[in-house]
PDB file of all heavy atoms in Angstrom:
ATOM      1  N   TYR A   1     231.373 240.462  91.595  1.00  0.00           N
ATOM      2  CA  TYR A   1     230.996 241.662  90.865  1.00  0.00           C
ATOM      3  C   TYR A   1     231.993 242.794  91.147  1.00  0.00           C
ATOM      4  O   TYR A   1     232.422 243.510  90.207  1.00  0.00           O
ATOM      5  CB  TYR A   1     229.610 242.118  91.361  1.00  0.00           C
ATOM      6  CG  TYR A   1     229.084 243.416  90.704  1.00  0.00           C
ATOM      7  CD1 TYR A   1     228.424 243.375  89.520  1.00  0.00           C
ATOM      8  CD2 TYR A   1     229.283 244.618  91.406  1.00  0.00           C
ATOM      9  CE1 TYR A   1     227.987 244.600  88.959  1.00  0.00           C
ATOM     10  CE2 TYR A   1     228.875 245.786  90.892  1.00  0.00           C
ATOM     11  CZ  TYR A   1     228.176 245.839  89.645  1.00  0.00           C
ATOM     12  OH  TYR A   1     227.732 247.007  89.113  1.00  0.00           O
ATOM     13  N   SER A   2     232.399 242.984  92.399  1.00  0.00           N
ATOM     14  CA  SER A   2     233.202 244.124  92.779  1.00  0.00           C
ATOM     15  C   SER A   2     234.554 244.165  92.048  1.00  0.00           C
ATOM     16  O   SER A   2     234.938 245.170  91.398  1.00  0.00           O
ATOM     17  CB  SER A   2     233.429 244.105  94.308  1.00  0.00           C
ATOM     18  OG  SER A   2     234.232 245.252  94.664  1.00  0.00           O
ATOM     19  N   PRO A   3     235.373 243.085  92.026  1.00  0.00           N
ATOM     20  CA  PRO A   3     236.577 243.155  91.259  1.00  0.00           C
ATOM     21  C   PRO A   3     236.414 243.249  89.785  1.00  0.00           C
ATOM     22  O   PRO A   3     237.213 243.866  89.078  1.00  0.00           O
ATOM     23  CB  PRO A   3     237.328 241.855  91.689  1.00  0.00           C
ATOM     24  CG  PRO A   3     236.288 240.953  92.117  1.00  0.00           C
ATOM     25  CD  PRO A   3     235.209 241.786  92.761  1.00  0.00           C
ATOM     26  N   LEU A   4     235.396 242.582  89.239  1.00  0.00           N
ATOM     27  CA  LEU A   4     235.148 242.641  87.834  1.00  0.00           C
ATOM     28  C   LEU A   4     234.858 244.094  87.376  1.00  0.00           C
ATOM     29  O   LEU A   4     235.359 244.589  86.412  1.00  0.00           O
ATOM     30  CB  LEU A   4     234.001 241.721  87.416  1.00  0.00           C
ATOM     31  CG  LEU A   4     234.328 240.241  87.413  1.00  0.00           C
ATOM     32  CD1 LEU A   4     233.038 239.448  87.279  1.00  0.00           C
ATOM     33  CD2 LEU A   4     235.327 239.883  86.323  1.00  0.00           C
ATOM     34  N   LYS A   5     234.066 244.768  88.221  1.00  0.00           N
ATOM     35  CA  LYS A   5     233.710 246.171  87.917  1.00  0.00           C
ATOM     36  C   LYS A   5     234.998 247.049  88.177  1.00  0.00           C
ATOM     37  O   LYS A   5     235.324 247.901  87.274  1.00  0.00           O
ATOM     38  CB  LYS A   5     232.655 246.667  88.835  1.00  0.00           C
ATOM     39  CG  LYS A   5     232.293 248.131  88.739  1.00  0.00           C
ATOM     40  CD  LYS A   5     231.442 248.621  89.888  1.00  0.00           C
ATOM     41  CE  LYS A   5     231.291 250.137  89.822  1.00  0.00           C
ATOM     42  NZ  LYS A   5     230.581 250.616  91.090  1.00  0.00           N
ATOM     43  N   ARG A   6     235.676 246.854  89.229  1.00  0.00           N
ATOM     44  CA  ARG A   6     236.874 247.701  89.580  1.00  0.00           C
ATOM     45  C   ARG A   6     237.895 247.631  88.437  1.00  0.00           C
ATOM     46  O   ARG A   6     238.495 248.664  88.098  1.00  0.00           O
ATOM     47  CB  ARG A   6     237.454 247.248  90.841  1.00  0.00           C
ATOM     48  CG  ARG A   6     238.733 247.992  91.228  1.00  0.00           C
ATOM     49  CD  ARG A   6     239.385 247.503  92.512  1.00  0.00           C
ATOM     50  NE  ARG A   6     240.567 248.221  92.853  1.00  0.00           N
ATOM     51  CZ  ARG A   6     241.430 247.904  93.826  1.00  0.00           C
ATOM     52  NH1 ARG A   6     241.166 246.814  94.549  1.00  0.00           N
ATOM     53  NH2 ARG A   6     242.498 248.591  94.028  1.00  0.00           N
ATOM     54  N   TRP A   7     238.140 246.417  87.894  1.00  0.00           N
ATOM     55  CA  TRP A   7     239.197 246.266  86.876  1.00  0.00           C
ATOM     56  C   TRP A   7     238.731 246.383  85.495  1.00  0.00           C
ATOM     57  O   TRP A   7     239.469 246.104  84.557  1.00  0.00           O
ATOM     58  CB  TRP A   7     240.001 245.000  87.242  1.00  0.00           C
ATOM     59  CG  TRP A   7     240.691 245.090  88.497  1.00  0.00           C
ATOM     60  CD1 TRP A   7     240.328 244.427  89.660  1.00  0.00           C
ATOM     61  CD2 TRP A   7     241.819 245.841  88.822  1.00  0.00           C
ATOM     62  NE1 TRP A   7     241.213 244.768  90.670  1.00  0.00           N
ATOM     63  CE2 TRP A   7     242.133 245.625  90.221  1.00  0.00           C
ATOM     64  CE3 TRP A   7     242.676 246.718  88.059  1.00  0.00           C
ATOM     65  CZ2 TRP A   7     243.213 246.234  90.835  1.00  0.00           C
ATOM     66  CZ3 TRP A   7     243.763 247.273  88.745  1.00  0.00           C
ATOM     67  CH2 TRP A   7     244.001 247.059  90.104  1.00  0.00           C
ATOM     68  N   GLY A   8     237.492 246.776  85.293  1.00  0.00           N
ATOM     69  CA  GLY A   8     237.020 247.173  83.951  1.00  0.00           C
ATOM     70  C   GLY A   8     236.567 246.095  83.040  1.00  0.00           C
ATOM     71  O   GLY A   8     236.662 246.172  81.836  1.00  0.00           O
ATOM     72  N   ALA A   9     235.987 245.046  83.626  1.00  0.00           N
ATOM     73  CA  ALA A   9     235.390 243.992  82.759  1.00  0.00           C
ATOM     74  C   ALA A   9     234.276 244.584  81.914  1.00  0.00           C
ATOM     75  O   ALA A   9     233.412 245.307  82.424  1.00  0.00           O
ATOM     76  CB  ALA A   9     234.878 242.803  83.605  1.00  0.00           C
ATOM     77  N   GLY A  10     234.358 244.344  80.608  1.00  0.00           N
ATOM     78  CA  GLY A  10     233.287 244.946  79.746  1.00  0.00           C
ATOM     79  C   GLY A  10     233.639 244.624  78.302  1.00  0.00           C
ATOM     80  O   GLY A  10     234.493 243.816  78.006  1.00  0.00           O
ATOM     81  N   ALA A  11     232.957 245.294  77.421  1.00  0.00           N
ATOM     82  CA  ALA A  11     233.135 245.079  75.969  1.00  0.00           C
ATOM     83  C   ALA A  11     234.606 245.277  75.560  1.00  0.00           C
ATOM     84  O   ALA A  11     235.248 246.177  75.985  1.00  0.00           O
ATOM     85  CB  ALA A  11     232.256 246.007  75.200  1.00  0.00           C
ATOM     86  N   GLY A  12     235.095 244.344  74.779  1.00  0.00           N
ATOM     87  CA  GLY A  12     236.451 244.427  74.301  1.00  0.00           C
ATOM     88  C   GLY A  12     237.494 243.834  75.220  1.00  0.00           C
ATOM     89  O   GLY A  12     238.684 243.786  74.904  1.00  0.00           O
ATOM     90  N   LYS A  13     237.101 243.377  76.442  1.00  0.00           N
ATOM     91  CA  LYS A  13     238.003 242.793  77.422  1.00  0.00           C
ATOM     92  C   LYS A  13     237.944 241.333  77.443  1.00  0.00           C
ATOM     93  O   LYS A  13     236.863 240.701  77.392  1.00  0.00           O
ATOM     94  CB  LYS A  13     237.762 243.344  78.812  1.00  0.00           C
ATOM     95  CG  LYS A  13     238.024 244.845  78.987  1.00  0.00           C
ATOM     96  CD  LYS A  13     239.452 245.195  78.762  1.00  0.00           C
ATOM     97  CE  LYS A  13     239.768 246.668  78.913  1.00  0.00           C
ATOM     98  NZ  LYS A  13     239.666 247.111  80.304  1.00  0.00           N
ATOM     99  N   GLN A  14     239.145 240.692  77.465  1.00  0.00           N
ATOM    100  CA  GLN A  14     239.224 239.242  77.593  1.00  0.00           C
ATOM    101  C   GLN A  14     239.346 238.931  79.094  1.00  0.00           C
ATOM    102  O   GLN A  14     240.309 239.333  79.788  1.00  0.00           O
ATOM    103  CB  GLN A  14     240.473 238.737  76.869  1.00  0.00           C
ATOM    104  CG  GLN A  14     240.402 238.919  75.343  1.00  0.00           C
ATOM    105  CD  GLN A  14     239.483 237.906  74.714  1.00  0.00           C
ATOM    106  OE1 GLN A  14     239.246 236.835  75.256  1.00  0.00           O
ATOM    107  NE2 GLN A  14     238.939 238.249  73.549  1.00  0.00           N
ATOM    108  N   VAL A  15     238.402 238.175  79.647  1.00  0.00           N
ATOM    109  CA  VAL A  15     238.376 237.859  81.076  1.00  0.00           C
ATOM    110  C   VAL A  15     238.350 236.364  81.272  1.00  0.00           C
ATOM    111  O   VAL A  15     237.566 235.665  80.596  1.00  0.00           O
ATOM    112  CB  VAL A  15     237.070 238.452  81.698  1.00  0.00           C
ATOM    113  CG1 VAL A  15     236.954 238.022  83.152  1.00  0.00           C
ATOM    114  CG2 VAL A  15     237.033 239.989  81.597  1.00  0.00           C
ATOM    115  N   ALA A  16     239.222 235.895  82.157  1.00  0.00           N
ATOM    116  CA  ALA A  16     239.250 234.491  82.500  1.00  0.00           C
ATOM    117  C   ALA A  16     238.774 234.301  83.927  1.00  0.00           C
ATOM    118  O   ALA A  16     239.184 234.983  84.810  1.00  0.00           O
ATOM    119  CB  ALA A  16     240.727 233.919  82.368  1.00  0.00           C
ATOM    120  N   ILE A  17     237.885 233.382  84.134  1.00  0.00           N
ATOM    121  CA  ILE A  17     237.396 232.999  85.435  1.00  0.00           C
ATOM    122  C   ILE A  17     238.058 231.628  85.788  1.00  0.00           C
ATOM    123  O   ILE A  17     237.829 230.663  85.071  1.00  0.00           O
ATOM    124  CB  ILE A  17     235.852 232.858  85.516  1.00  0.00           C
ATOM    125  CG1 ILE A  17     235.197 234.129  84.987  1.00  0.00           C
ATOM    126  CG2 ILE A  17     235.423 232.512  86.930  1.00  0.00           C
ATOM    127  CD1 ILE A  17     235.510 235.369  85.779  1.00  0.00           C
ATOM    128  N   ILE A  18     238.868 231.599  86.828  1.00  0.00           N
ATOM    129  CA  ILE A  18     239.548 230.405  87.212  1.00  0.00           C
ATOM    130  C   ILE A  18     238.706 229.662  88.278  1.00  0.00           C
ATOM    131  O   ILE A  18     238.484 230.224  89.383  1.00  0.00           O
ATOM    132  CB  ILE A  18     240.951 230.705  87.770  1.00  0.00           C
ATOM    133  CG1 ILE A  18     241.807 231.474  86.746  1.00  0.00           C
ATOM    134  CG2 ILE A  18     241.701 229.429  88.195  1.00  0.00           C
ATOM    135  CD1 ILE A  18     243.085 232.028  87.281  1.00  0.00           C
ATOM    136  N   GLY A  19     238.243 228.504  87.928  1.00  0.00           N
ATOM    137  CA  GLY A  19     237.363 227.741  88.814  1.00  0.00           C
ATOM    138  C   GLY A  19     235.913 228.115  88.567  1.00  0.00           C
ATOM    139  O   GLY A  19     235.565 229.265  88.356  1.00  0.00           O
ATOM    140  N   MET A  20     235.041 227.104  88.547  1.00  0.00           N
ATOM    141  CA  MET A  20     233.619 227.362  88.269  1.00  0.00           C
ATOM    142  C   MET A  20     232.764 226.632  89.356  1.00  0.00           C
ATOM    143  O   MET A  20     231.888 225.826  89.020  1.00  0.00           O
ATOM    144  CB  MET A  20     233.178 226.963  86.893  1.00  0.00           C
ATOM    145  CG  MET A  20     232.089 227.849  86.404  1.00  0.00           C
ATOM    146  SD  MET A  20     231.538 227.438  84.709  1.00  0.00           S
ATOM    147  CE  MET A  20     230.693 225.923  85.005  1.00  0.00           C
ATOM    148  N   GLY A  21     232.968 227.031  90.559  1.00  0.00           N
ATOM    149  CA  GLY A  21     232.215 226.512  91.679  1.00  0.00           C
ATOM    150  C   GLY A  21     231.216 227.572  92.123  1.00  0.00           C
ATOM    151  O   GLY A  21     230.617 228.285  91.293  1.00  0.00           O
ATOM    152  N   GLY A  22     230.950 227.671  93.413  1.00  0.00           N
ATOM    153  CA  GLY A  22     229.966 228.567  93.958  1.00  0.00           C
ATOM    154  C   GLY A  22     230.213 230.014  93.580  1.00  0.00           C
ATOM    155  O   GLY A  22     229.282 230.818  93.315  1.00  0.00           O
ATOM    156  N   LEU A  23     231.513 230.427  93.600  1.00  0.00           N
ATOM    157  CA  LEU A  23     231.815 231.767  93.163  1.00  0.00           C
ATOM    158  C   LEU A  23     231.977 231.906  91.667  1.00  0.00           C
ATOM    159  O   LEU A  23     231.456 232.802  91.019  1.00  0.00           O
ATOM    160  CB  LEU A  23     233.148 232.221  93.782  1.00  0.00           C
ATOM    161  CG  LEU A  23     233.205 232.437  95.291  1.00  0.00           C
ATOM    162  CD1 LEU A  23     234.666 232.709  95.789  1.00  0.00           C
ATOM    163  CD2 LEU A  23     232.325 233.606  95.679  1.00  0.00           C
ATOM    164  N   GLY A  24     232.703 230.952  91.052  1.00  0.00           N
ATOM    165  CA  GLY A  24     233.027 231.030  89.647  1.00  0.00           C
ATOM    166  C   GLY A  24     231.804 231.047  88.734  1.00  0.00           C
ATOM    167  O   GLY A  24     231.758 231.732  87.737  1.00  0.00           O
ATOM    168  N   HIS A  25     230.807 230.240  89.088  1.00  0.00           N
ATOM    169  CA  HIS A  25     229.655 230.152  88.171  1.00  0.00           C
ATOM    170  C   HIS A  25     228.893 231.502  88.126  1.00  0.00           C
ATOM    171  O   HIS A  25     228.271 231.834  87.136  1.00  0.00           O
ATOM    172  CB  HIS A  25     228.697 228.955  88.485  1.00  0.00           C
ATOM    173  CG  HIS A  25     227.655 229.241  89.487  1.00  0.00           C
ATOM    174  ND1 HIS A  25     227.870 229.378  90.831  1.00  0.00           N
ATOM    175  CD2 HIS A  25     226.286 229.444  89.317  1.00  0.00           C
ATOM    176  CE1 HIS A  25     226.713 229.670  91.387  1.00  0.00           C
ATOM    177  NE2 HIS A  25     225.750 229.628  90.545  1.00  0.00           N
ATOM    178  N   VAL A  26     228.873 232.223  89.295  1.00  0.00           N
ATOM    179  CA  VAL A  26     228.291 233.570  89.338  1.00  0.00           C
ATOM    180  C   VAL A  26     229.164 234.534  88.536  1.00  0.00           C
ATOM    181  O   VAL A  26     228.651 235.373  87.818  1.00  0.00           O
ATOM    182  CB  VAL A  26     228.081 233.993  90.762  1.00  0.00           C
ATOM    183  CG1 VAL A  26     227.509 235.428  90.817  1.00  0.00           C
ATOM    184  CG2 VAL A  26     227.113 233.050  91.466  1.00  0.00           C
ATOM    185  N   ALA A  27     230.449 234.440  88.713  1.00  0.00           N
ATOM    186  CA  ALA A  27     231.393 235.333  88.030  1.00  0.00           C
ATOM    187  C   ALA A  27     231.267 235.255  86.490  1.00  0.00           C
ATOM    188  O   ALA A  27     231.310 236.260  85.789  1.00  0.00           O
ATOM    189  CB  ALA A  27     232.854 235.014  88.481  1.00  0.00           C
ATOM    190  N   VAL A  28     231.118 234.035  85.997  1.00  0.00           N
ATOM    191  CA  VAL A  28     230.953 233.856  84.599  1.00  0.00           C
ATOM    192  C   VAL A  28     229.699 234.580  84.062  1.00  0.00           C
ATOM    193  O   VAL A  28     229.727 235.321  83.061  1.00  0.00           O
ATOM    194  CB  VAL A  28     230.833 232.360  84.162  1.00  0.00           C
ATOM    195  CG1 VAL A  28     230.491 232.214  82.677  1.00  0.00           C
ATOM    196  CG2 VAL A  28     232.152 231.661  84.487  1.00  0.00           C
ATOM    197  N   GLN A  29     228.597 234.464  84.818  1.00  0.00           N
ATOM    198  CA  GLN A  29     227.371 235.165  84.415  1.00  0.00           C
ATOM    199  C   GLN A  29     227.540 236.689  84.442  1.00  0.00           C
ATOM    200  O   GLN A  29     227.072 237.376  83.534  1.00  0.00           O
ATOM    201  CB  GLN A  29     226.227 234.714  85.386  1.00  0.00           C
ATOM    202  CG  GLN A  29     225.856 233.270  85.252  1.00  0.00           C
ATOM    203  CD  GLN A  29     224.763 232.957  86.269  1.00  0.00           C
ATOM    204  OE1 GLN A  29     223.616 233.452  86.143  1.00  0.00           O
ATOM    205  NE2 GLN A  29     225.056 232.213  87.299  1.00  0.00           N
ATOM    206  N   ILE A  30     228.157 237.181  85.517  1.00  0.00           N
ATOM    207  CA  ILE A  30     228.262 238.632  85.675  1.00  0.00           C
ATOM    208  C   ILE A  30     229.218 239.199  84.619  1.00  0.00           C
ATOM    209  O   ILE A  30     228.914 240.239  83.964  1.00  0.00           O
ATOM    210  CB  ILE A  30     228.740 238.985  87.132  1.00  0.00           C
ATOM    211  CG1 ILE A  30     227.598 238.681  88.102  1.00  0.00           C
ATOM    212  CG2 ILE A  30     229.176 240.446  87.186  1.00  0.00           C
ATOM    213  CD1 ILE A  30     228.003 238.875  89.596  1.00  0.00           C
ATOM    214  N   ALA A  31     230.358 238.557  84.406  1.00  0.00           N
ATOM    215  CA  ALA A  31     231.321 239.118  83.467  1.00  0.00           C
ATOM    216  C   ALA A  31     230.741 239.070  82.022  1.00  0.00           C
ATOM    217  O   ALA A  31     230.967 240.026  81.254  1.00  0.00           O
ATOM    218  CB  ALA A  31     232.631 238.335  83.479  1.00  0.00           C
TER     219      ALA A  31
END
């Protein structure tokens, strides 16, 4: 959550999550 928020993940932004394990599967949901 912290880096996604810091770097402005939101509407209109293209975000790639590299890896979908314990961290990545949460990152996909949050982004």
